Amino acid sequence: MSSSSRGPLAERRAGRREWIGLGVLALACLVYAMDLTVLHLAVPQISAVLHPTSSQFMVAGLLITMGTLGDRIGRRRILLIGAAAFGLVSVIAAFAPTAETLILCRALLGIAGATLAPSTLSLIFNMFRDARQRSVAVGVWVGAFSAGGAIGPLLGGVLLEHFWWGSVFLLAVPVMVLLLVLGPKVLPEFRDPEAGRLDLIGAGQSMLTMIALVFGMKQIAQDGIGATALIALAVGVVTGVLFVRRQLSRPDPMLDLRLFRLGEFRTALTVNVIGVFVAFGYFLFIGQYFQLVLGMSPLRAGIAMAPSGLGFIVGSQLAPRIVRIVRPAYMIGGGMAVAAIGLAMLTRVSLHDGPALAVVASLLISLGLAPVFGITTELIVGSAPPEQAGAASGLSETGAELGGALGISILGSMSVAIYRGDLADLPGGLPPEATESIRDTLGAAVAVADSLPERAGAAVLEAAREAFLHGVHLTAGIVTVAAAVLAVVSVIRLRHIPAGELGGHE
């Protein structure tokens, strides 16, 4: 431990209240991850019942705004507000009668969920000032997301096996109620006393940038390159540039982008963002592969996805201990290399094989990525000067959310484009509305195939599944290369940090 880690911040060690508070925060993270994973598991049933189009599954982040708002009104307060909203909207989503209602609920859940990640991580960095305790706490934080990823498919599979698709949304309700009861008692309030007024213009720019870029990419995937998509992308790029310029010129920016001048910060954040990009892109396909390609029931698919969640738990809990004796660069580089092997295996999954290859690939991906997220998070915040730790934490959370949004939108858009392109020449004689449904999503194609005569249905089903796998193979190949490149870059750019020095940059 370097001398810089033995300053005033490191002298205050967390006590019983802080550890109980960490458990409460972990519950919020766990249920948020559960919500994400069970949604992926429920996509086939949602597609069959509500018939949403592929462009309606769109992610746009509000994380920057929520993080800034938390600085002003209090991190605990915004966490509890978000938890209450998350629980209430989950109940409404569970009984959504139309695709439009569900889409609105998903948007509201995204807004509520955007309060969880920034609030939990910022509270952790304020509750745990001792570097070693903080390393353990961050490991628990990552492990909570991992546990949600493991538990979500299992509970979701049981619910989808015996109840309607909306039941998966009700998993969040009791946990959010518990958070509302315990949060005020064990979580300290934190706000930035020097925070200025909320930058409404900057908040609008950040939201418009994300929404426009994601919408443009989705439109290209669904309808090809057209005026609407190009205009949306242009608006996103221009607004993004204006947002960056505004942040660099303000004395109290929403995000202090000058932190990017720090090489260690820049590298760790890049690895974190692309790592989340890889993870979300993978999660987007695996549930559909098990159910819609291999024909597994929701429960069997949940069981097949469980080893991946367990791999995240094991990896996230071992990382804080191993990194005490192994350089962070080698942990990150080695983890990305293992993930790359698993992703490469996904390029070999086929229509007629069993789930074994995909299960093993998923386990390798999770074991590889789990250490990366915790270590890079600590490097991001720990590499910043003490007075900029809050800004670094905000950028870390924003980067993770951005990586997830881009993973779903870019990789999802590419997969949809390939899927629709491969199904350009469907057998003749199909009703126009059936043809459009088949080309929209694999879930819709499976539903249409069930309503056709046996021979025609089998032909449509095989063509749709092959088109879906073509998209999976290509996107898996792309993220394999990305993971392999990151493994090399991490070792080269971060190898100067010795073992046991996480958190020692304060």
Protein backbone atom coordinates (compact mmCIF):
# COMPACT_ATOMS: atom_id res chain seq x y z
CA MET A 1 0.00 0.00 0.00
CA SER A 2 1.45 3.30 -1.06
CA SER A 3 1.82 6.17 1.31
CA SER A 4 -0.77 8.13 -0.56
CA SER A 5 -3.39 5.64 0.56
CA ARG A 6 -2.71 6.31 4.23
CA GLY A 7 -4.11 9.84 4.20
CA PRO A 8 -7.09 11.15 6.15
CA LEU A 9 -9.63 9.37 3.97
CA ALA A 10 -8.03 5.99 4.63
CA GLU A 11 -8.04 6.46 8.43
CA ARG A 12 -11.80 6.22 8.78
CA ARG A 13 -12.77 2.55 8.60
CA ALA A 14 -16.35 1.47 7.98
CA GLY A 15 -18.32 0.00 10.86
CA ARG A 16 -21.41 -2.14 11.31
CA ARG A 17 -23.83 0.45 9.96
CA GLU A 18 -21.88 0.85 6.71
CA TRP A 19 -21.74 -2.91 6.10
CA ILE A 20 -25.48 -3.25 6.72
CA GLY A 21 -25.99 -0.32 4.37
CA LEU A 22 -23.88 -2.10 1.77
CA GLY A 23 -26.22 -5.08 2.04
CA VAL A 24 -29.19 -2.81 1.36
CA LEU A 25 -27.46 -1.28 -1.66
CA ALA A 26 -26.59 -4.76 -2.89
CA LEU A 27 -30.29 -5.65 -2.82
CA ALA A 28 -31.06 -2.73 -5.13
CA CYS A 29 -28.32 -3.80 -7.54
CA LEU A 30 -29.44 -7.43 -7.39
CA VAL A 31 -33.03 -6.69 -8.32
CA TYR A 32 -31.95 -4.30 -11.09
CA ALA A 33 -29.83 -7.05 -12.65
CA MET A 34 -32.67 -9.52 -12.18
CA ASP A 35 -34.95 -7.18 -14.08
CA LEU A 36 -32.54 -7.06 -17.01
CA THR A 37 -31.94 -10.80 -17.22
CA VAL A 38 -35.55 -11.90 -16.80
CA LEU A 39 -36.56 -9.44 -19.51
CA HIS A 40 -34.17 -11.15 -21.93
CA LEU A 41 -35.68 -14.48 -20.90
CA ALA A 42 -39.22 -13.14 -21.40
CA VAL A 43 -38.58 -11.59 -24.84
CA PRO A 44 -40.00 -14.61 -26.72
CA GLN A 45 -43.28 -14.55 -24.79
CA ILE A 46 -43.53 -10.76 -24.94
CA SER A 47 -43.04 -10.90 -28.71
CA ALA A 48 -45.70 -13.58 -29.07
CA VAL A 49 -48.32 -11.90 -26.87
CA LEU A 50 -47.84 -8.17 -27.46
CA HIS A 51 -46.16 -8.25 -30.89
CA PRO A 52 -43.75 -5.34 -30.33
CA THR A 53 -41.58 -4.43 -33.30
CA SER A 54 -37.80 -4.58 -33.07
CA SER A 55 -37.55 -0.77 -33.09
CA GLN A 56 -39.59 -0.62 -29.90
CA PHE A 57 -36.82 -2.27 -27.82
CA MET A 58 -34.74 0.91 -27.49
CA VAL A 59 -32.42 1.90 -24.66
CA ALA A 60 -31.48 5.48 -23.89
CA GLY A 61 -29.70 6.51 -20.74
CA LEU A 62 -30.61 9.14 -18.20
CA LEU A 63 -27.67 8.26 -15.99
CA ILE A 64 -25.79 11.55 -16.37
CA THR A 65 -28.82 13.58 -15.37
CA MET A 66 -29.74 11.32 -12.45
CA GLY A 67 -26.18 11.34 -11.13
CA THR A 68 -26.06 15.12 -11.25
CA LEU A 69 -29.49 15.40 -9.66
CA GLY A 70 -28.33 13.13 -6.84
CA ASP A 71 -25.45 15.48 -6.10
CA ARG A 72 -27.95 18.25 -5.50
CA ILE A 73 -30.92 16.66 -3.73
CA GLY A 74 -29.03 13.80 -2.07
CA ARG A 75 -27.89 10.36 -3.23
CA ARG A 76 -29.98 8.48 -0.68
CA ARG A 77 -33.06 10.50 -1.45
CA ILE A 78 -32.89 9.94 -5.19
CA LEU A 79 -32.15 6.25 -4.60
CA LEU A 80 -35.32 5.87 -2.53
CA ILE A 81 -37.38 7.88 -5.00
CA GLY A 82 -36.13 5.66 -7.80
CA ALA A 83 -36.84 2.50 -5.79
CA ALA A 84 -40.43 3.58 -5.13
CA ALA A 85 -40.97 4.41 -8.80
CA PHE A 86 -39.33 1.14 -9.90
CA GLY A 87 -41.63 -0.93 -7.71
CA LEU A 88 -44.79 0.91 -8.75
CA VAL A 89 -44.06 0.80 -12.49
CA SER A 90 -43.10 -2.88 -12.25
CA VAL A 91 -46.62 -3.65 -11.06
CA ILE A 92 -48.12 -1.69 -13.97
CA ALA A 93 -45.78 -3.42 -16.47
CA ALA A 94 -46.79 -6.84 -15.16
CA PHE A 95 -50.37 -6.23 -16.28
CA ALA A 96 -49.67 -4.18 -19.42
CA PRO A 97 -52.49 -4.87 -21.92
CA THR A 98 -50.71 -3.57 -25.02
CA ALA A 99 -47.22 -3.28 -26.46
CA GLU A 100 -47.44 0.51 -26.18
CA THR A 101 -48.19 0.30 -22.45
CA LEU A 102 -45.28 -2.08 -21.91
CA ILE A 103 -42.92 0.15 -23.88
CA LEU A 104 -43.94 3.13 -21.77
CA CYS A 105 -43.40 1.11 -18.60
CA ARG A 106 -39.98 -0.02 -19.80
CA ALA A 107 -39.04 3.60 -20.45
CA LEU A 108 -40.20 4.58 -16.96
CA LEU A 109 -38.31 1.63 -15.46
CA GLY A 110 -35.24 2.84 -17.32
CA ILE A 111 -35.62 6.27 -15.74
CA ALA A 112 -36.10 4.74 -12.28
CA GLY A 113 -33.25 2.28 -12.82
CA ALA A 114 -30.96 5.14 -13.83
CA THR A 115 -31.15 6.36 -10.23
CA LEU A 116 -29.87 3.04 -8.82
CA ALA A 117 -26.40 2.63 -10.32
CA PRO A 118 -25.07 6.16 -9.72
CA SER A 119 -26.58 6.34 -6.25
CA THR A 120 -25.29 2.97 -5.07
CA LEU A 121 -21.72 3.38 -6.30
CA SER A 122 -21.39 6.96 -5.07
CA LEU A 123 -22.71 5.99 -1.64
CA ILE A 124 -20.24 3.10 -1.49
CA PHE A 125 -17.28 5.38 -2.20
CA ASN A 126 -18.45 7.72 0.54
CA MET A 127 -19.23 4.97 3.08
CA PHE A 128 -15.95 3.06 2.58
CA ARG A 129 -12.96 5.39 2.68
CA ASP A 130 -10.40 2.71 3.61
CA ALA A 131 -8.89 1.36 0.38
CA ARG A 132 -8.99 -2.34 1.31
CA GLN A 133 -12.54 -2.15 2.68
CA ARG A 134 -13.63 -0.25 -0.40
CA SER A 135 -12.13 -2.94 -2.64
CA VAL A 136 -14.23 -5.55 -0.84
CA ALA A 137 -17.32 -3.32 -1.01
CA VAL A 138 -16.93 -2.78 -4.75
CA GLY A 139 -16.54 -6.55 -5.13
CA VAL A 140 -19.83 -7.02 -3.27
CA TRP A 141 -21.41 -4.36 -5.50
CA VAL A 142 -20.31 -6.19 -8.66
CA GLY A 143 -21.26 -9.51 -7.06
CA ALA A 144 -24.78 -8.24 -6.41
CA PHE A 145 -25.27 -7.53 -10.10
CA SER A 146 -23.80 -10.97 -10.79
CA ALA A 147 -26.12 -12.65 -8.29
CA GLY A 148 -29.07 -10.94 -9.93
CA GLY A 149 -27.88 -12.30 -13.26
CA ALA A 150 -27.75 -15.80 -11.78
CA ILE A 151 -30.99 -15.71 -9.82
CA GLY A 152 -33.01 -13.82 -12.41
CA PRO A 153 -33.10 -16.53 -15.11
CA LEU A 154 -33.91 -19.25 -12.57
CA LEU A 155 -36.78 -17.39 -10.90
CA GLY A 156 -37.89 -16.00 -14.22
CA GLY A 157 -37.87 -19.47 -15.77
CA VAL A 158 -40.05 -20.82 -12.97
CA LEU A 159 -42.50 -17.92 -13.29
CA LEU A 160 -42.67 -18.10 -17.10
CA GLU A 161 -43.19 -21.86 -16.87
CA HIS A 162 -46.24 -21.53 -14.61
CA PHE A 163 -47.53 -17.96 -14.98
CA TRP A 164 -47.92 -15.22 -17.60
CA TRP A 165 -44.99 -13.19 -18.95
CA GLY A 166 -45.86 -10.19 -16.75
CA SER A 167 -45.09 -12.13 -13.57
CA VAL A 168 -41.34 -11.56 -14.08
CA PHE A 169 -41.81 -7.85 -13.41
CA LEU A 170 -43.24 -8.56 -9.96
CA LEU A 171 -39.89 -9.95 -8.75
CA ALA A 172 -38.68 -6.41 -8.09
CA VAL A 173 -41.57 -5.32 -5.89
CA PRO A 174 -40.79 -6.96 -2.51
CA VAL A 175 -37.09 -6.04 -2.72
CA MET A 176 -37.88 -2.41 -3.48
CA VAL A 177 -40.29 -2.32 -0.53
CA LEU A 178 -37.51 -3.68 1.72
CA LEU A 179 -35.12 -1.04 0.38
CA LEU A 180 -37.62 1.71 1.18
CA VAL A 181 -38.01 0.42 4.76
CA LEU A 182 -34.32 -0.14 5.58
CA GLY A 183 -32.67 2.54 3.44
CA PRO A 184 -33.46 5.58 5.64
CA LYS A 185 -32.16 3.74 8.71
CA VAL A 186 -28.78 2.44 7.50
CA LEU A 187 -27.76 4.60 4.53
CA PRO A 188 -26.09 7.98 5.08
CA GLU A 189 -27.25 10.92 3.03
CA PHE A 190 -24.70 12.51 0.74
CA ARG A 191 -24.92 15.58 -1.44
CA ASP A 192 -22.34 17.93 -2.91
CA PRO A 193 -22.51 21.17 -0.88
CA GLU A 194 -20.73 23.04 -3.68
CA ALA A 195 -22.90 21.74 -6.51
CA GLY A 196 -24.35 24.51 -8.60
CA ARG A 197 -27.74 24.65 -10.22
CA LEU A 198 -28.82 21.70 -12.34
CA ASP A 199 -27.74 22.30 -15.93
CA LEU A 200 -31.05 21.71 -17.69
CA ILE A 201 -29.57 22.49 -21.10
CA GLY A 202 -26.75 19.99 -20.58
CA ALA A 203 -29.20 17.38 -19.28
CA GLY A 204 -31.36 17.85 -22.37
CA GLN A 205 -28.33 17.59 -24.64
CA SER A 206 -27.14 14.34 -23.06
CA MET A 207 -30.59 12.73 -23.29
CA LEU A 208 -31.20 13.91 -26.85
CA THR A 209 -27.78 12.64 -27.93
CA MET A 210 -28.43 9.11 -26.66
CA ILE A 211 -32.03 8.90 -27.87
CA ALA A 212 -31.20 10.21 -31.35
CA LEU A 213 -28.18 7.93 -31.85
CA VAL A 214 -29.96 4.79 -30.66
CA PHE A 215 -33.10 5.59 -32.66
CA GLY A 216 -31.05 6.17 -35.81
CA MET A 217 -29.21 2.86 -35.46
CA LYS A 218 -32.47 1.00 -34.83
CA GLN A 219 -34.09 2.57 -37.89
CA ILE A 220 -31.18 1.53 -40.10
CA ALA A 221 -31.45 -2.03 -38.80
CA GLN A 222 -35.18 -2.21 -39.39
CA ASP A 223 -35.71 -0.21 -42.59
CA GLY A 224 -32.24 0.32 -44.04
CA ILE A 225 -30.45 3.62 -44.60
CA GLY A 226 -33.05 6.33 -45.02
CA ALA A 227 -33.64 10.01 -44.42
CA THR A 228 -35.17 9.51 -40.97
CA ALA A 229 -32.24 7.43 -39.71
CA LEU A 230 -29.61 9.79 -41.14
CA ILE A 231 -31.31 12.84 -39.66
CA ALA A 232 -31.51 11.15 -36.25
CA LEU A 233 -27.82 10.20 -36.35
CA ALA A 234 -26.84 13.71 -37.44
CA VAL A 235 -28.87 15.22 -34.60
CA GLY A 236 -27.21 12.83 -32.14
CA VAL A 237 -23.68 13.66 -33.31
CA VAL A 238 -24.24 17.44 -33.38
CA THR A 239 -25.93 17.44 -29.97
CA GLY A 240 -23.16 15.26 -28.54
CA VAL A 241 -20.49 17.68 -29.76
CA LEU A 242 -22.41 20.60 -28.27
CA PHE A 243 -22.71 18.72 -24.96
CA VAL A 244 -18.95 18.08 -24.82
CA ARG A 245 -18.16 21.72 -25.63
CA ARG A 246 -20.58 22.91 -22.98
CA GLN A 247 -19.06 20.63 -20.32
CA LEU A 248 -15.53 21.79 -21.12
CA SER A 249 -16.49 25.46 -20.87
CA ARG A 250 -18.53 25.42 -17.66
CA PRO A 251 -16.97 25.99 -14.22
CA ASP A 252 -19.33 23.36 -12.70
CA PRO A 253 -19.88 20.75 -15.46
CA MET A 254 -22.24 17.80 -15.15
CA LEU A 255 -19.31 15.63 -16.18
CA ASP A 256 -15.74 16.83 -15.74
CA LEU A 257 -14.36 15.65 -19.08
CA ARG A 258 -10.92 17.00 -18.20
CA LEU A 259 -10.38 13.77 -16.32
CA PHE A 260 -9.74 12.16 -19.69
CA ARG A 261 -6.32 13.80 -19.64
CA LEU A 262 -5.32 11.16 -17.05
CA GLY A 263 -3.99 8.16 -18.97
CA GLU A 264 -4.83 5.59 -16.30
CA PHE A 265 -8.37 6.95 -15.97
CA ARG A 266 -8.86 7.00 -19.73
CA THR A 267 -7.67 3.40 -20.22
CA ALA A 268 -9.68 1.97 -17.32
CA LEU A 269 -12.86 3.74 -18.43
CA THR A 270 -12.44 2.55 -22.02
CA VAL A 271 -11.98 -1.05 -20.90
CA ASN A 272 -15.01 -0.79 -18.61
CA VAL A 273 -17.28 0.67 -21.30
CA ILE A 274 -16.31 -1.88 -23.95
CA GLY A 275 -16.49 -4.71 -21.42
CA VAL A 276 -20.09 -3.79 -20.60
CA PHE A 277 -20.75 -3.39 -24.35
CA VAL A 278 -19.58 -6.98 -24.85
CA ALA A 279 -21.60 -8.31 -21.90
CA PHE A 280 -24.88 -6.67 -22.89
CA GLY A 281 -24.50 -7.73 -26.50
CA TYR A 282 -24.05 -11.32 -25.36
CA PHE A 283 -26.99 -11.25 -22.94
CA LEU A 284 -29.20 -9.91 -25.71
CA PHE A 285 -28.96 -13.15 -27.69
CA ILE A 286 -28.38 -16.04 -25.32
CA GLY A 287 -31.91 -16.30 -23.87
CA GLN A 288 -33.45 -16.21 -27.34
CA TYR A 289 -30.98 -18.83 -28.57
CA PHE A 290 -31.93 -21.29 -25.84
CA GLN A 291 -35.68 -20.80 -26.23
CA LEU A 292 -36.36 -19.85 -29.83
CA VAL A 293 -33.56 -21.72 -31.61
CA LEU A 294 -33.13 -24.81 -29.44
CA GLY A 295 -36.79 -24.86 -28.35
CA MET A 296 -36.07 -25.03 -24.61
CA SER A 297 -38.75 -24.11 -22.07
CA PRO A 298 -38.25 -20.90 -20.03
CA LEU A 299 -37.28 -22.97 -16.98
CA ARG A 300 -34.71 -25.05 -18.86
CA ALA A 301 -33.35 -21.88 -20.47
CA GLY A 302 -33.04 -20.28 -17.03
CA ILE A 303 -31.13 -23.32 -15.76
CA ALA A 304 -28.84 -23.16 -18.80
CA MET A 305 -28.13 -19.47 -18.09
CA ALA A 306 -27.44 -20.04 -14.37
CA PRO A 307 -23.75 -21.09 -14.73
CA SER A 308 -23.01 -17.75 -16.37
CA GLY A 309 -24.44 -15.88 -13.39
CA LEU A 310 -22.52 -18.08 -10.97
CA GLY A 311 -19.36 -17.39 -12.95
CA PHE A 312 -19.89 -13.66 -12.43
CA ILE A 313 -20.35 -14.18 -8.70
CA VAL A 314 -17.19 -16.29 -8.33
CA GLY A 315 -15.09 -13.98 -10.49
CA SER A 316 -16.22 -10.78 -8.78
CA GLN A 317 -15.57 -12.15 -5.29
CA LEU A 318 -12.14 -13.64 -6.06
CA ALA A 319 -10.84 -10.58 -7.90
CA PRO A 320 -10.31 -8.30 -4.83
CA ARG A 321 -8.19 -11.03 -3.22
CA ILE A 322 -6.15 -12.02 -6.27
CA VAL A 323 -5.41 -8.40 -7.24
CA ARG A 324 -3.49 -8.00 -3.97
CA ILE A 325 -0.77 -10.27 -5.37
CA VAL A 326 -1.28 -9.93 -9.15
CA ARG A 327 -0.95 -6.69 -11.09
CA PRO A 328 -4.33 -5.22 -12.14
CA ALA A 329 -3.20 -5.14 -15.77
CA TYR A 330 -2.70 -8.91 -15.82
CA MET A 331 -6.05 -9.52 -14.11
CA ILE A 332 -7.86 -7.32 -16.63
CA GLY A 333 -5.91 -8.59 -19.63
CA GLY A 334 -6.28 -12.22 -18.58
CA GLY A 335 -9.99 -11.76 -17.93
CA MET A 336 -10.60 -10.20 -21.35
CA ALA A 337 -8.62 -13.02 -22.99
CA VAL A 338 -10.77 -15.68 -21.27
CA ALA A 339 -13.91 -13.78 -22.31
CA ALA A 340 -12.62 -13.65 -25.89
CA ILE A 341 -12.28 -17.45 -25.92
CA GLY A 342 -15.87 -17.84 -24.74
CA LEU A 343 -17.13 -15.33 -27.30
CA ALA A 344 -15.26 -17.15 -30.07
CA MET A 345 -17.03 -20.34 -29.03
CA LEU A 346 -20.38 -18.61 -29.60
CA THR A 347 -19.51 -18.27 -33.27
CA ARG A 348 -19.74 -22.08 -33.48
CA VAL A 349 -23.19 -22.64 -31.95
CA SER A 350 -25.60 -24.19 -34.43
CA LEU A 351 -29.23 -24.99 -35.01
CA HIS A 352 -29.01 -28.71 -34.34
CA ASP A 353 -26.49 -28.93 -31.48
CA GLY A 354 -27.49 -29.08 -27.83
CA PRO A 355 -26.95 -26.26 -25.32
CA ALA A 356 -23.60 -27.53 -23.95
CA LEU A 357 -21.36 -25.36 -26.14
CA ALA A 358 -23.34 -22.20 -25.39
CA VAL A 359 -23.39 -22.96 -21.65
CA VAL A 360 -19.60 -23.45 -21.51
CA ALA A 361 -19.05 -20.34 -23.62
CA SER A 362 -21.30 -18.32 -21.31
CA LEU A 363 -19.41 -19.53 -18.25
CA LEU A 364 -16.05 -18.52 -19.74
CA ILE A 365 -17.39 -15.09 -20.72
CA SER A 366 -18.70 -14.40 -17.22
CA LEU A 367 -15.57 -15.68 -15.46
CA GLY A 368 -13.45 -13.48 -17.71
CA LEU A 369 -15.50 -10.29 -17.47
CA ALA A 370 -16.31 -10.40 -13.74
CA PRO A 371 -12.88 -9.25 -12.48
CA VAL A 372 -12.69 -6.59 -15.17
CA PHE A 373 -15.69 -4.59 -13.95
CA GLY A 374 -14.67 -4.34 -10.29
CA ILE A 375 -10.99 -3.59 -10.96
CA THR A 376 -11.63 -0.98 -13.65
CA THR A 377 -14.22 0.75 -11.45
CA GLU A 378 -11.67 1.12 -8.67
CA LEU A 379 -9.00 2.32 -11.11
CA ILE A 380 -11.36 4.89 -12.60
CA VAL A 381 -12.20 6.48 -9.26
CA GLY A 382 -8.85 5.86 -7.60
CA SER A 383 -6.84 7.46 -10.41
CA ALA A 384 -8.60 10.81 -10.00
CA PRO A 385 -7.51 13.47 -7.49
CA PRO A 386 -9.58 13.37 -4.25
CA GLU A 387 -11.50 16.53 -5.12
CA GLN A 388 -12.58 14.93 -8.43
CA ALA A 389 -13.53 11.51 -7.06
CA GLY A 390 -17.24 12.30 -7.37
CA ALA A 391 -16.87 13.30 -11.00
CA ALA A 392 -14.83 10.16 -11.70
CA SER A 393 -17.52 8.03 -10.08
CA GLY A 394 -20.15 9.69 -12.24
CA LEU A 395 -18.17 9.05 -15.39
CA SER A 396 -17.67 5.41 -14.37
CA GLU A 397 -21.40 4.89 -13.93
CA THR A 398 -22.23 6.79 -17.09
CA GLY A 399 -19.69 4.80 -19.06
CA ALA A 400 -21.16 1.51 -17.87
CA GLU A 401 -24.67 2.59 -18.81
CA LEU A 402 -23.44 3.89 -22.16
CA GLY A 403 -21.66 0.60 -22.84
CA GLY A 404 -24.85 -1.32 -22.12
CA ALA A 405 -26.99 0.94 -24.28
CA LEU A 406 -24.53 0.75 -27.16
CA GLY A 407 -24.18 -3.02 -26.78
CA ILE A 408 -27.91 -3.52 -27.13
CA SER A 409 -28.42 -0.90 -29.84
CA ILE A 410 -25.36 -1.47 -32.06
CA LEU A 411 -25.07 -5.25 -31.80
CA GLY A 412 -28.85 -5.64 -31.72
CA SER A 413 -29.21 -3.43 -34.79
CA MET A 414 -26.56 -5.37 -36.67
CA SER A 415 -28.23 -8.66 -35.80
CA VAL A 416 -31.65 -7.39 -36.88
CA ALA A 417 -30.23 -6.09 -40.17
CA ILE A 418 -28.65 -9.48 -40.91
CA TYR A 419 -31.82 -11.31 -39.88
CA ARG A 420 -34.03 -9.20 -42.15
CA GLY A 421 -31.56 -9.41 -45.02
CA ASP A 422 -31.38 -13.20 -44.86
CA LEU A 423 -35.20 -13.41 -44.91
CA ALA A 424 -35.62 -11.17 -47.96
CA ASP A 425 -36.79 -14.13 -50.08
CA LEU A 426 -39.42 -15.99 -48.10
CA PRO A 427 -41.57 -18.73 -49.68
CA GLY A 428 -44.47 -17.34 -51.74
CA GLY A 429 -48.08 -17.61 -50.73
CA LEU A 430 -47.69 -16.12 -47.26
CA PRO A 431 -50.04 -13.31 -46.20
CA PRO A 432 -48.31 -9.89 -46.29
CA GLU A 433 -48.82 -9.34 -42.56
CA ALA A 434 -47.32 -12.76 -41.80
CA THR A 435 -44.30 -12.00 -43.99
CA GLU A 436 -43.71 -8.71 -42.18
CA SER A 437 -43.99 -10.36 -38.77
CA ILE A 438 -41.54 -13.10 -39.73
CA ARG A 439 -38.98 -10.52 -40.86
CA ASP A 440 -39.38 -8.39 -37.74
CA THR A 441 -38.28 -10.69 -34.89
CA LEU A 442 -37.49 -14.35 -34.36
CA GLY A 443 -40.16 -14.51 -31.65
CA ALA A 444 -42.79 -13.34 -34.13
CA ALA A 445 -41.51 -15.80 -36.74
CA VAL A 446 -41.94 -18.70 -34.29
CA ALA A 447 -45.50 -17.59 -33.56
CA VAL A 448 -46.35 -17.31 -37.28
CA ALA A 449 -44.78 -20.68 -38.05
CA ASP A 450 -47.03 -22.34 -35.48
CA SER A 451 -50.11 -21.05 -37.35
CA LEU A 452 -48.99 -22.29 -40.79
CA PRO A 453 -49.40 -25.75 -42.32
CA GLU A 454 -46.73 -28.15 -41.04
CA ARG A 455 -44.43 -28.12 -44.08
CA ALA A 456 -44.62 -24.35 -44.62
CA GLY A 457 -44.23 -23.68 -40.91
CA ALA A 458 -41.15 -25.89 -40.67
CA ALA A 459 -39.54 -24.14 -43.65
CA VAL A 460 -40.24 -20.69 -42.21
CA LEU A 461 -38.99 -21.71 -38.78
CA GLU A 462 -35.70 -23.14 -40.07
CA ALA A 463 -35.05 -20.09 -42.28
CA ALA A 464 -35.75 -17.70 -39.39
CA ARG A 465 -33.55 -19.62 -36.96
CA GLU A 466 -30.67 -19.80 -39.45
CA ALA A 467 -30.97 -16.05 -40.10
CA PHE A 468 -30.91 -15.37 -36.35
CA LEU A 469 -27.82 -17.56 -35.89
CA HIS A 470 -26.09 -15.77 -38.75
CA GLY A 471 -26.49 -12.52 -36.82
CA VAL A 472 -25.29 -14.12 -33.59
CA HIS A 473 -22.18 -15.52 -35.28
CA LEU A 474 -21.20 -12.19 -36.82
CA THR A 475 -21.78 -10.10 -33.69
CA ALA A 476 -19.99 -12.68 -31.52
CA GLY A 477 -17.03 -12.51 -33.90
CA ILE A 478 -16.91 -8.73 -33.64
CA VAL A 479 -16.94 -8.67 -29.85
CA THR A 480 -14.36 -11.48 -29.79
CA VAL A 481 -11.94 -9.20 -31.63
CA ALA A 482 -12.85 -6.30 -29.34
CA ALA A 483 -12.16 -8.38 -26.22
CA ALA A 484 -8.85 -9.66 -27.57
CA VAL A 485 -7.67 -6.15 -28.45
CA LEU A 486 -8.66 -4.89 -25.01
CA ALA A 487 -6.69 -7.69 -23.38
CA VAL A 488 -3.50 -6.50 -25.09
CA VAL A 489 -4.19 -2.79 -24.55
CA SER A 490 -4.91 -3.33 -20.84
CA VAL A 491 -1.60 -5.07 -20.22
CA ILE A 492 0.40 -2.47 -22.15
CA ARG A 493 -1.25 0.64 -20.68
CA LEU A 494 -1.80 -0.45 -17.06
CA ARG A 495 1.17 -2.72 -16.32
CA HIS A 496 2.93 0.05 -14.38
CA ILE A 497 0.43 -0.32 -11.50
CA PRO A 498 1.83 -2.78 -8.93
CA ALA A 499 -0.18 -5.45 -7.15
CA GLY A 500 -2.02 -4.28 -4.05
CA GLU A 501 -2.21 -0.64 -5.18
CA LEU A 502 -5.91 -0.37 -6.04
CA GLY A 503 -7.32 2.58 -4.19
CA GLY A 504 -3.85 3.90 -3.53
CA HIS A 505 -4.13 6.82 -5.88
CA GLU A 506 -6.10 9.06 -3.65
